[in-house]
Amino acid sequence: LKSHVRLESYGTLDELNSTIGLAISLISSHDKKEELEKYLKDILFEIQ
């Protein structure tokens, strides 16, 4: 069932991953993009 806790577990990971993707997109259009990406870009893509 789509309501099974197993689906909830990886569905929530997908929600988390999408939210991190949103944060990455906000960084990429920010005026402090270079400094933020310097420290965060690699680790965030690894986490995704």
All heavy atoms as atom14 arrays in JSON, in Angstrom:
{
  "sequence": "LKSHVRLESYGTLDELNSTIGLAISLISSHDKKEELEKYLKDILFEIQ",
  "atom14_mask": [
    [1, 1, 1, 1, 1, 1, 1, 1, 0, 0, 0, 0, 0, 0],
    [1, 1, 1, 1, 1, 1, 1, 1, 1, 0, 0, 0, 0, 0],
    [1, 1, 1, 1, 1, 1, 0, 0, 0, 0, 0, 0, 0, 0],
    [1, 1, 1, 1, 1, 1, 1, 1, 1, 1, 0, 0, 0, 0],
    [1, 1, 1, 1, 1, 1, 1, 0, 0, 0, 0, 0, 0, 0],
    [1, 1, 1, 1, 1, 1, 1, 1, 1, 1, 1, 0, 0, 0],
    [1, 1, 1, 1, 1, 1, 1, 1, 0, 0, 0, 0, 0, 0],
    [1, 1, 1, 1, 1, 1, 1, 1, 1, 0, 0, 0, 0, 0],
    [1, 1, 1, 1, 1, 1, 0, 0, 0, 0, 0, 0, 0, 0],
    [1, 1, 1, 1, 1, 1, 1, 1, 1, 1, 1, 1, 0, 0],
    [1, 1, 1, 1, 0, 0, 0, 0, 0, 0, 0, 0, 0, 0],
    [1, 1, 1, 1, 1, 1, 1, 0, 0, 0, 0, 0, 0, 0],
    [1, 1, 1, 1, 1, 1, 1, 1, 0, 0, 0, 0, 0, 0],
    [1, 1, 1, 1, 1, 1, 1, 1, 0, 0, 0, 0, 0, 0],
    [1, 1, 1, 1, 1, 1, 1, 1, 1, 0, 0, 0, 0, 0],
    [1, 1, 1, 1, 1, 1, 1, 1, 0, 0, 0, 0, 0, 0],
    [1, 1, 1, 1, 1, 1, 1, 1, 0, 0, 0, 0, 0, 0],
    [1, 1, 1, 1, 1, 1, 0, 0, 0, 0, 0, 0, 0, 0],
    [1, 1, 1, 1, 1, 1, 1, 0, 0, 0, 0, 0, 0, 0],
    [1, 1, 1, 1, 1, 1, 1, 1, 0, 0, 0, 0, 0, 0],
    [1, 1, 1, 1, 0, 0, 0, 0, 0, 0, 0, 0, 0, 0],
    [1, 1, 1, 1, 1, 1, 1, 1, 0, 0, 0, 0, 0, 0],
    [1, 1, 1, 1, 1, 0, 0, 0, 0, 0, 0, 0, 0, 0],
    [1, 1, 1, 1, 1, 1, 1, 1, 0, 0, 0, 0, 0, 0],
    [1, 1, 1, 1, 1, 1, 0, 0, 0, 0, 0, 0, 0, 0],
    [1, 1, 1, 1, 1, 1, 1, 1, 0, 0, 0, 0, 0, 0],
    [1, 1, 1, 1, 1, 1, 1, 1, 0, 0, 0, 0, 0, 0],
    [1, 1, 1, 1, 1, 1, 0, 0, 0, 0, 0, 0, 0, 0],
    [1, 1, 1, 1, 1, 1, 0, 0, 0, 0, 0, 0, 0, 0],
    [1, 1, 1, 1, 1, 1, 1, 1, 1, 1, 0, 0, 0, 0],
    [1, 1, 1, 1, 1, 1, 1, 1, 0, 0, 0, 0, 0, 0],
    [1, 1, 1, 1, 1, 1, 1, 1, 1, 0, 0, 0, 0, 0],
    [1, 1, 1, 1, 1, 1, 1, 1, 1, 0, 0, 0, 0, 0],
    [1, 1, 1, 1, 1, 1, 1, 1, 1, 0, 0, 0, 0, 0],
    [1, 1, 1, 1, 1, 1, 1, 1, 1, 0, 0, 0, 0, 0],
    [1, 1, 1, 1, 1, 1, 1, 1, 0, 0, 0, 0, 0, 0],
    [1, 1, 1, 1, 1, 1, 1, 1, 1, 0, 0, 0, 0, 0],
    [1, 1, 1, 1, 1, 1, 1, 1, 1, 0, 0, 0, 0, 0],
    [1, 1, 1, 1, 1, 1, 1, 1, 1, 1, 1, 1, 0, 0],
    [1, 1, 1, 1, 1, 1, 1, 1, 0, 0, 0, 0, 0, 0],
    [1, 1, 1, 1, 1, 1, 1, 1, 1, 0, 0, 0, 0, 0],
    [1, 1, 1, 1, 1, 1, 1, 1, 0, 0, 0, 0, 0, 0],
    [1, 1, 1, 1, 1, 1, 1, 1, 0, 0, 0, 0, 0, 0],
    [1, 1, 1, 1, 1, 1, 1, 1, 0, 0, 0, 0, 0, 0],
    [1, 1, 1, 1, 1, 1, 1, 1, 1, 1, 1, 0, 0, 0],
    [1, 1, 1, 1, 1, 1, 1, 1, 1, 0, 0, 0, 0, 0],
    [1, 1, 1, 1, 1, 1, 1, 1, 0, 0, 0, 0, 0, 0],
    [1, 1, 1, 1, 1, 1, 1, 1, 1, 0, 0, 0, 0, 0]
  ],
  "atom14_positions": [
    [[0.84, -1.2, 0.0], [0.0, 0.0, 0.0], [0.88, 1.25, 0.0], [1.93, 1.28, 0.64], [-0.9, 0.02, 1.23], [-2.04, -1.0, 1.26], [-2.75, -0.95, 2.61], [-3.03, -0.72, 0.13], [0.0, 0.0, 0.0], [0.0, 0.0, 0.0], [0.0, 0.0, 0.0], [0.0, 0.0, 0.0], [0.0, 0.0, 0.0], [0.0, 0.0, 0.0]],
    [[0.42, 2.27, -0.66], [1.17, 3.53, -0.7], [1.21, 4.2, 0.67], [2.03, 5.09, 0.89], [0.56, 4.48, -1.74], [0.81, 4.02, -3.16], [0.29, 5.04, -4.16], [0.6, 4.6, -5.57], [0.2, 5.59, -6.57], [0.0, 0.0, 0.0], [0.0, 0.0, 0.0], [0.0, 0.0, 0.0], [0.0, 0.0, 0.0], [0.0, 0.0, 0.0]],
    [[0.36, 3.76, 1.59], [0.36, 4.31, 2.94], [1.3, 3.55, 3.88], [1.42, 3.9, 5.04], [-1.06, 4.27, 3.5], [-1.54, 2.93, 3.55], [0.0, 0.0, 0.0], [0.0, 0.0, 0.0], [0.0, 0.0, 0.0], [0.0, 0.0, 0.0], [0.0, 0.0, 0.0], [0.0, 0.0, 0.0], [0.0, 0.0, 0.0], [0.0, 0.0, 0.0]],
    [[1.99, 2.54, 3.39], [2.89, 1.73, 4.21], [4.04, 2.59, 4.74], [4.54, 3.48, 4.04], [3.43, 0.55, 3.38], [4.13, -0.49, 4.19], [5.41, -0.34, 4.63], [3.69, -1.69, 4.64], [5.76, -1.4, 5.32], [4.73, -2.25, 5.34], [0.0, 0.0, 0.0], [0.0, 0.0, 0.0], [0.0, 0.0, 0.0], [0.0, 0.0, 0.0]],
    [[4.48, 2.31, 5.96], [5.55, 3.1, 6.57], [6.83, 3.04, 5.74], [7.61, 3.99, 5.71], [5.8, 2.66, 8.04], [6.37, 1.27, 8.12], [6.68, 3.66, 8.76], [0.0, 0.0, 0.0], [0.0, 0.0, 0.0], [0.0, 0.0, 0.0], [0.0, 0.0, 0.0], [0.0, 0.0, 0.0], [0.0, 0.0, 0.0], [0.0, 0.0, 0.0]],
    [[7.05, 1.96, 5.01], [8.25, 1.87, 4.16], [8.19, 2.94, 3.06], [9.18, 3.61, 2.77], [8.38, 0.47, 3.55], [9.65, 0.31, 2.72], [9.95, -1.13, 2.43], [10.27, -1.92, 3.6], [11.47, -1.96, 4.19], [12.48, -1.27, 3.71], [11.67, -2.73, 5.25], [0.0, 0.0, 0.0], [0.0, 0.0, 0.0], [0.0, 0.0, 0.0]],
    [[7.03, 3.11, 2.45], [6.89, 4.15, 1.43], [7.0, 5.55, 2.04], [7.57, 6.46, 1.44], [5.58, 4.01, 0.66], [5.74, 3.18, -0.6], [5.84, 1.73, -0.31], [4.68, 3.51, -1.58], [0.0, 0.0, 0.0], [0.0, 0.0, 0.0], [0.0, 0.0, 0.0], [0.0, 0.0, 0.0], [0.0, 0.0, 0.0], [0.0, 0.0, 0.0]],
    [[6.44, 5.67, 3.23], [6.55, 6.95, 3.94], [8.02, 7.28, 4.19], [8.43, 8.43, 4.1], [5.77, 6.88, 5.26], [5.63, 8.2, 5.96], [4.75, 9.21, 5.24], [3.85, 8.8, 4.48], [4.98, 10.42, 5.41], [0.0, 0.0, 0.0], [0.0, 0.0, 0.0], [0.0, 0.0, 0.0], [0.0, 0.0, 0.0], [0.0, 0.0, 0.0]],
    [[8.82, 6.26, 4.48], [10.25, 6.5, 4.77], [10.99, 7.05, 3.56], [11.66, 8.08, 3.65], [10.92, 5.21, 5.29], [11.09, 4.25, 4.26], [0.0, 0.0, 0.0], [0.0, 0.0, 0.0], [0.0, 0.0, 0.0], [0.0, 0.0, 0.0], [0.0, 0.0, 0.0], [0.0, 0.0, 0.0], [0.0, 0.0, 0.0], [0.0, 0.0, 0.0]],
    [[10.84, 6.4, 2.42], [11.6, 6.93, 1.28], [10.88, 8.06, 0.56], [11.51, 8.88, -0.11], [12.12, 5.83, 0.33], [11.13, 5.0, -0.43], [10.58, 5.45, -1.61], [10.81, 3.71, 0.0], [9.71, 4.65, -2.35], [9.95, 2.91, -0.73], [9.39, 3.39, -1.9], [8.54, 2.6, -2.62], [0.0, 0.0, 0.0], [0.0, 0.0, 0.0]],
    [[9.57, 8.17, 0.75], [8.85, 9.34, 0.23], [9.27, 10.61, 0.96], [9.4, 11.68, 0.36], [0.0, 0.0, 0.0], [0.0, 0.0, 0.0], [0.0, 0.0, 0.0], [0.0, 0.0, 0.0], [0.0, 0.0, 0.0], [0.0, 0.0, 0.0], [0.0, 0.0, 0.0], [0.0, 0.0, 0.0], [0.0, 0.0, 0.0], [0.0, 0.0, 0.0]],
    [[9.51, 10.49, 2.26], [9.96, 11.64, 3.03], [11.4, 12.01, 2.65], [11.75, 13.19, 2.62], [9.82, 11.36, 4.53], [8.46, 11.0, 4.79], [10.15, 12.59, 5.36], [0.0, 0.0, 0.0], [0.0, 0.0, 0.0], [0.0, 0.0, 0.0], [0.0, 0.0, 0.0], [0.0, 0.0, 0.0], [0.0, 0.0, 0.0], [0.0, 0.0, 0.0]],
    [[12.21, 11.01, 2.33], [13.56, 11.31, 1.82], [13.48, 12.09, 0.51], [14.27, 13.01, 0.27], [14.36, 10.03, 1.6], [14.85, 9.28, 2.81], [15.67, 8.06, 2.37], [15.66, 10.16, 3.73], [0.0, 0.0, 0.0], [0.0, 0.0, 0.0], [0.0, 0.0, 0.0], [0.0, 0.0, 0.0], [0.0, 0.0, 0.0], [0.0, 0.0, 0.0]],
    [[12.52, 11.73, -0.33], [12.31, 12.45, -1.59], [11.9, 13.9, -1.33], [12.39, 14.82, -1.98], [11.27, 11.72, -2.43], [11.17, 12.25, -3.84], [12.2, 12.68, -4.41], [10.05, 12.24, -4.39], [0.0, 0.0, 0.0], [0.0, 0.0, 0.0], [0.0, 0.0, 0.0], [0.0, 0.0, 0.0], [0.0, 0.0, 0.0], [0.0, 0.0, 0.0]],
    [[11.02, 14.09, -0.36], [10.61, 15.45, 0.02], [11.82, 16.24, 0.54], [12.0, 17.41, 0.18], [9.53, 15.36, 1.1], [9.0, 16.69, 1.57], [7.98, 16.54, 2.7], [7.55, 15.41, 3.02], [7.62, 17.59, 3.27], [0.0, 0.0, 0.0], [0.0, 0.0, 0.0], [0.0, 0.0, 0.0], [0.0, 0.0, 0.0], [0.0, 0.0, 0.0]],
    [[12.63, 15.61, 1.36], [13.84, 16.25, 1.86], [14.78, 16.62, 0.72], [15.29, 17.74, 0.64], [14.54, 15.31, 2.85], [15.93, 15.71, 3.32], [15.93, 17.07, 4.0], [16.49, 14.62, 4.25], [0.0, 0.0, 0.0], [0.0, 0.0, 0.0], [0.0, 0.0, 0.0], [0.0, 0.0, 0.0], [0.0, 0.0, 0.0], [0.0, 0.0, 0.0]],
    [[14.98, 15.68, -0.2], [15.86, 15.9, -1.34], [15.36, 17.07, -2.19], [16.15, 17.91, -2.64], [15.96, 14.62, -2.16], [17.26, 14.51, -2.92], [17.94, 15.49, -3.15], [17.59, 13.3, -3.32], [0.0, 0.0, 0.0], [0.0, 0.0, 0.0], [0.0, 0.0, 0.0], [0.0, 0.0, 0.0], [0.0, 0.0, 0.0], [0.0, 0.0, 0.0]],
    [[14.07, 17.14, -2.4], [13.49, 18.24, -3.19], [13.67, 19.58, -2.49], [13.92, 20.6, -3.15], [12.0, 17.98, -3.44], [11.84, 16.82, -4.21], [0.0, 0.0, 0.0], [0.0, 0.0, 0.0], [0.0, 0.0, 0.0], [0.0, 0.0, 0.0], [0.0, 0.0, 0.0], [0.0, 0.0, 0.0], [0.0, 0.0, 0.0], [0.0, 0.0, 0.0]],
    [[13.55, 19.59, -1.19], [13.73, 20.83, -0.44], [15.19, 21.29, -0.51], [15.46, 22.49, -0.65], [13.27, 20.65, 1.02], [11.92, 20.17, 1.01], [13.33, 21.94, 1.79], [0.0, 0.0, 0.0], [0.0, 0.0, 0.0], [0.0, 0.0, 0.0], [0.0, 0.0, 0.0], [0.0, 0.0, 0.0], [0.0, 0.0, 0.0], [0.0, 0.0, 0.0]],
    [[16.11, 20.35, -0.43], [17.53, 20.7, -0.61], [17.75, 21.23, -2.03], [18.49, 22.2, -2.23], [18.44, 19.5, -0.29], [18.37, 19.19, 1.21], [19.88, 19.77, -0.73], [19.04, 17.88, 1.61], [0.0, 0.0, 0.0], [0.0, 0.0, 0.0], [0.0, 0.0, 0.0], [0.0, 0.0, 0.0], [0.0, 0.0, 0.0], [0.0, 0.0, 0.0]],
    [[17.09, 20.63, -3.01], [17.17, 21.14, -4.39], [16.68, 22.58, -4.49], [17.26, 23.39, -5.21], [0.0, 0.0, 0.0], [0.0, 0.0, 0.0], [0.0, 0.0, 0.0], [0.0, 0.0, 0.0], [0.0, 0.0, 0.0], [0.0, 0.0, 0.0], [0.0, 0.0, 0.0], [0.0, 0.0, 0.0], [0.0, 0.0, 0.0], [0.0, 0.0, 0.0]],
    [[15.6, 22.89, -3.78], [15.1, 24.27, -3.75], [16.15, 25.19, -3.15], [16.42, 26.28, -3.7], [13.8, 24.35, -2.95], [13.25, 25.75, -2.67], [12.94, 26.49, -3.97], [12.03, 25.67, -1.77], [0.0, 0.0, 0.0], [0.0, 0.0, 0.0], [0.0, 0.0, 0.0], [0.0, 0.0, 0.0], [0.0, 0.0, 0.0], [0.0, 0.0, 0.0]],
    [[16.77, 24.78, -2.05], [17.8, 25.61, -1.43], [18.98, 25.83, -2.38], [19.5, 26.95, -2.48], [18.27, 24.96, -0.13], [0.0, 0.0, 0.0], [0.0, 0.0, 0.0], [0.0, 0.0, 0.0], [0.0, 0.0, 0.0], [0.0, 0.0, 0.0], [0.0, 0.0, 0.0], [0.0, 0.0, 0.0], [0.0, 0.0, 0.0], [0.0, 0.0, 0.0]],
    [[19.37, 24.8, -3.09], [20.47, 24.92, -4.06], [20.09, 25.94, -5.14], [20.9, 26.76, -5.55], [20.82, 23.55, -4.68], [21.47, 22.65, -3.63], [21.74, 23.72, -5.89], [21.61, 21.19, -4.05], [0.0, 0.0, 0.0], [0.0, 0.0, 0.0], [0.0, 0.0, 0.0], [0.0, 0.0, 0.0], [0.0, 0.0, 0.0], [0.0, 0.0, 0.0]],
    [[18.84, 25.89, -5.62], [18.42, 26.84, -6.65], [18.41, 28.27, -6.11], [18.73, 29.21, -6.84], [17.05, 26.46, -7.22], [16.03, 26.7, -6.29], [0.0, 0.0, 0.0], [0.0, 0.0, 0.0], [0.0, 0.0, 0.0], [0.0, 0.0, 0.0], [0.0, 0.0, 0.0], [0.0, 0.0, 0.0], [0.0, 0.0, 0.0], [0.0, 0.0, 0.0]],
    [[18.06, 28.43, -4.84], [18.1, 29.77, -4.24], [19.54, 30.27, -4.14], [19.81, 31.45, -4.38], [17.45, 29.76, -2.86], [15.94, 29.54, -2.83], [15.45, 29.33, -1.4], [15.2, 30.69, -3.5], [0.0, 0.0, 0.0], [0.0, 0.0, 0.0], [0.0, 0.0, 0.0], [0.0, 0.0, 0.0], [0.0, 0.0, 0.0], [0.0, 0.0, 0.0]],
    [[20.45, 29.38, -3.82], [21.88, 29.76, -3.77], [22.36, 30.17, -5.15], [23.05, 31.18, -5.3], [22.73, 28.58, -3.23], [22.49, 28.39, -1.73], [24.22, 28.8, -3.52], [23.12, 27.13, -1.15], [0.0, 0.0, 0.0], [0.0, 0.0, 0.0], [0.0, 0.0, 0.0], [0.0, 0.0, 0.0], [0.0, 0.0, 0.0], [0.0, 0.0, 0.0]],
    [[21.97, 29.42, -6.18], [22.5, 29.69, -7.53], [22.04, 31.02, -8.1], [22.65, 31.53, -9.04], [22.13, 28.54, -8.48], [20.75, 28.55, -8.74], [0.0, 0.0, 0.0], [0.0, 0.0, 0.0], [0.0, 0.0, 0.0], [0.0, 0.0, 0.0], [0.0, 0.0, 0.0], [0.0, 0.0, 0.0], [0.0, 0.0, 0.0], [0.0, 0.0, 0.0]],
    [[20.98, 31.6, -7.53], [20.53, 32.9, -8.03], [20.78, 34.03, -7.03], [20.28, 35.13, -7.19], [19.03, 32.83, -8.37], [18.28, 32.52, -7.22], [0.0, 0.0, 0.0], [0.0, 0.0, 0.0], [0.0, 0.0, 0.0], [0.0, 0.0, 0.0], [0.0, 0.0, 0.0], [0.0, 0.0, 0.0], [0.0, 0.0, 0.0], [0.0, 0.0, 0.0]],
    [[21.59, 33.76, -6.01], [21.84, 34.74, -4.95], [23.07, 35.57, -5.27], [24.01, 35.1, -5.9], [22.01, 34.02, -3.61], [21.89, 34.91, -2.44], [22.93, 35.66, -1.96], [20.82, 35.2, -1.65], [22.53, 36.36, -0.92], [21.24, 36.09, -0.71], [0.0, 0.0, 0.0], [0.0, 0.0, 0.0], [0.0, 0.0, 0.0], [0.0, 0.0, 0.0]],
    [[23.1, 36.82, -4.79], [24.27, 37.66, -5.05], [25.51, 37.19, -4.28], [26.62, 37.57, -4.62], [23.97, 39.14, -4.77], [23.6, 39.43, -3.33], [23.19, 38.5, -2.61], [23.73, 40.6, -2.91], [0.0, 0.0, 0.0], [0.0, 0.0, 0.0], [0.0, 0.0, 0.0], [0.0, 0.0, 0.0], [0.0, 0.0, 0.0], [0.0, 0.0, 0.0]],
    [[25.37, 36.35, -3.29], [26.5, 35.76, -2.56], [26.78, 34.33, -3.05], [27.36, 33.51, -2.35], [26.2, 35.72, -1.05], [25.95, 37.05, -0.42], [27.23, 37.74, -0.11], [26.94, 39.02, 0.68], [28.15, 39.7, 1.05], [0.0, 0.0, 0.0], [0.0, 0.0, 0.0], [0.0, 0.0, 0.0], [0.0, 0.0, 0.0], [0.0, 0.0, 0.0]],
    [[26.35, 34.06, -4.27], [26.44, 32.72, -4.86], [27.84, 32.12, -4.75], [28.0, 30.98, -4.32], [26.01, 32.79, -6.33], [26.25, 31.52, -7.11], [25.94, 31.7, -8.58], [26.3, 30.46, -9.35], [25.96, 30.54, -10.75], [0.0, 0.0, 0.0], [0.0, 0.0, 0.0], [0.0, 0.0, 0.0], [0.0, 0.0, 0.0], [0.0, 0.0, 0.0]],
    [[28.85, 32.89, -5.11], [30.21, 32.33, -5.14], [30.67, 31.88, -3.77], [31.23, 30.79, -3.62], [31.19, 33.35, -5.73], [31.02, 33.52, -7.23], [32.02, 34.5, -7.82], [33.09, 34.71, -7.23], [31.71, 35.06, -8.89], [0.0, 0.0, 0.0], [0.0, 0.0, 0.0], [0.0, 0.0, 0.0], [0.0, 0.0, 0.0], [0.0, 0.0, 0.0]],
    [[30.44, 32.7, -2.75], [30.87, 32.32, -1.4], [30.07, 31.13, -0.88], [30.63, 30.21, -0.28], [30.74, 33.5, -0.45], [31.32, 33.22, 0.92], [31.35, 34.44, 1.81], [30.93, 35.53, 1.38], [31.77, 34.27, 2.97], [0.0, 0.0, 0.0], [0.0, 0.0, 0.0], [0.0, 0.0, 0.0], [0.0, 0.0, 0.0], [0.0, 0.0, 0.0]],
    [[28.77, 31.15, -1.11], [27.93, 30.04, -0.64], [28.3, 28.74, -1.36], [28.45, 27.69, -0.73], [26.45, 30.37, -0.84], [25.9, 31.48, 0.07], [24.53, 31.93, -0.42], [25.84, 31.01, 1.51], [0.0, 0.0, 0.0], [0.0, 0.0, 0.0], [0.0, 0.0, 0.0], [0.0, 0.0, 0.0], [0.0, 0.0, 0.0], [0.0, 0.0, 0.0]],
    [[28.46, 28.8, -2.67], [28.81, 27.6, -3.44], [30.18, 27.07, -3.07], [30.4, 25.85, -3.06], [28.71, 27.87, -4.94], [27.29, 27.9, -5.45], [27.19, 28.0, -6.96], [28.2, 28.34, -7.62], [26.08, 27.76, -7.48], [0.0, 0.0, 0.0], [0.0, 0.0, 0.0], [0.0, 0.0, 0.0], [0.0, 0.0, 0.0], [0.0, 0.0, 0.0]],
    [[31.1, 27.97, -2.76], [32.46, 27.56, -2.38], [32.42, 26.56, -1.22], [33.15, 25.58, -1.2], [33.27, 28.8, -1.99], [34.64, 28.51, -1.43], [35.32, 29.8, -0.99], [36.59, 29.51, -0.23], [37.19, 30.73, 0.32], [0.0, 0.0, 0.0], [0.0, 0.0, 0.0], [0.0, 0.0, 0.0], [0.0, 0.0, 0.0], [0.0, 0.0, 0.0]],
    [[31.55, 26.8, -0.27], [31.48, 25.95, 0.91], [30.42, 24.85, 0.83], [30.53, 23.85, 1.53], [31.19, 26.8, 2.16], [32.35, 27.66, 2.57], [32.45, 28.98, 2.17], [33.38, 27.13, 3.36], [33.52, 29.77, 2.55], [34.46, 27.91, 3.73], [34.53, 29.23, 3.32], [35.61, 30.0, 3.69], [0.0, 0.0, 0.0], [0.0, 0.0, 0.0]],
    [[29.4, 25.05, 0.01], [28.23, 24.18, 0.1], [27.93, 23.33, -1.12], [27.32, 22.26, -0.99], [26.98, 25.02, 0.42], [27.04, 25.86, 1.69], [25.77, 26.68, 1.82], [27.28, 24.99, 2.91], [0.0, 0.0, 0.0], [0.0, 0.0, 0.0], [0.0, 0.0, 0.0], [0.0, 0.0, 0.0], [0.0, 0.0, 0.0], [0.0, 0.0, 0.0]],
    [[28.3, 23.78, -2.31], [27.84, 23.12, -3.54], [28.16, 21.62, -3.56], [27.26, 20.79, -3.77], [28.44, 23.81, -4.75], [27.94, 23.27, -6.07], [28.53, 24.03, -7.23], [28.02, 23.5, -8.55], [28.6, 24.22, -9.69], [0.0, 0.0, 0.0], [0.0, 0.0, 0.0], [0.0, 0.0, 0.0], [0.0, 0.0, 0.0], [0.0, 0.0, 0.0]],
    [[29.41, 21.26, -3.34], [29.8, 19.86, -3.44], [29.08, 18.99, -2.42], [28.55, 17.93, -2.76], [31.32, 19.7, -3.28], [32.08, 20.27, -4.47], [31.47, 20.48, -5.54], [33.3, 20.51, -4.32], [0.0, 0.0, 0.0], [0.0, 0.0, 0.0], [0.0, 0.0, 0.0], [0.0, 0.0, 0.0], [0.0, 0.0, 0.0], [0.0, 0.0, 0.0]],
    [[29.05, 19.43, -1.17], [28.43, 18.61, -0.12], [26.94, 18.45, -0.36], [26.38, 17.39, -0.12], [28.73, 19.16, 1.3], [28.26, 18.18, 2.39], [28.07, 20.5, 1.53], [29.2, 17.09, 2.7], [0.0, 0.0, 0.0], [0.0, 0.0, 0.0], [0.0, 0.0, 0.0], [0.0, 0.0, 0.0], [0.0, 0.0, 0.0], [0.0, 0.0, 0.0]],
    [[26.28, 19.5, -0.86], [24.83, 19.41, -1.07], [24.49, 18.44, -2.19], [23.53, 17.65, -2.07], [24.25, 20.79, -1.36], [24.3, 21.76, -0.17], [23.81, 23.14, -0.59], [23.52, 21.25, 1.02], [0.0, 0.0, 0.0], [0.0, 0.0, 0.0], [0.0, 0.0, 0.0], [0.0, 0.0, 0.0], [0.0, 0.0, 0.0], [0.0, 0.0, 0.0]],
    [[25.26, 18.44, -3.27], [25.01, 17.48, -4.34], [25.33, 16.05, -3.88], [24.65, 15.1, -4.25], [25.77, 17.84, -5.6], [25.17, 19.01, -6.35], [25.95, 20.1, -6.69], [23.83, 19.01, -6.7], [25.39, 21.18, -7.37], [23.27, 20.08, -7.38], [24.05, 21.17, -7.71], [0.0, 0.0, 0.0], [0.0, 0.0, 0.0], [0.0, 0.0, 0.0]],
    [[26.37, 15.9, -3.05], [26.67, 14.58, -2.49], [25.5, 14.08, -1.64], [25.12, 12.9, -1.73], [27.94, 14.65, -1.63], [29.2, 14.82, -2.43], [30.42, 15.12, -1.55], [30.38, 14.81, -0.33], [31.39, 15.67, -2.07], [0.0, 0.0, 0.0], [0.0, 0.0, 0.0], [0.0, 0.0, 0.0], [0.0, 0.0, 0.0], [0.0, 0.0, 0.0]],
    [[24.95, 14.96, -0.83], [23.82, 14.59, 0.02], [22.62, 14.19, -0.82], [21.95, 13.2, -0.52], [23.48, 15.73, 1.0], [24.57, 15.83, 2.07], [22.1, 15.55, 1.62], [24.53, 17.12, 2.86], [0.0, 0.0, 0.0], [0.0, 0.0, 0.0], [0.0, 0.0, 0.0], [0.0, 0.0, 0.0], [0.0, 0.0, 0.0], [0.0, 0.0, 0.0]],
    [[22.36, 14.95, -1.88], [21.22, 14.59, -2.74], [21.41, 13.18, -3.31], [20.46, 12.4, -3.36], [21.05, 15.62, -3.85], [20.42, 16.91, -3.37], [19.95, 17.76, -4.52], [20.74, 18.19, -5.35], [18.65, 17.98, -4.58], [0.0, 0.0, 0.0], [0.0, 0.0, 0.0], [0.0, 0.0, 0.0], [0.0, 0.0, 0.0], [0.0, 0.0, 0.0]]
  ]
}
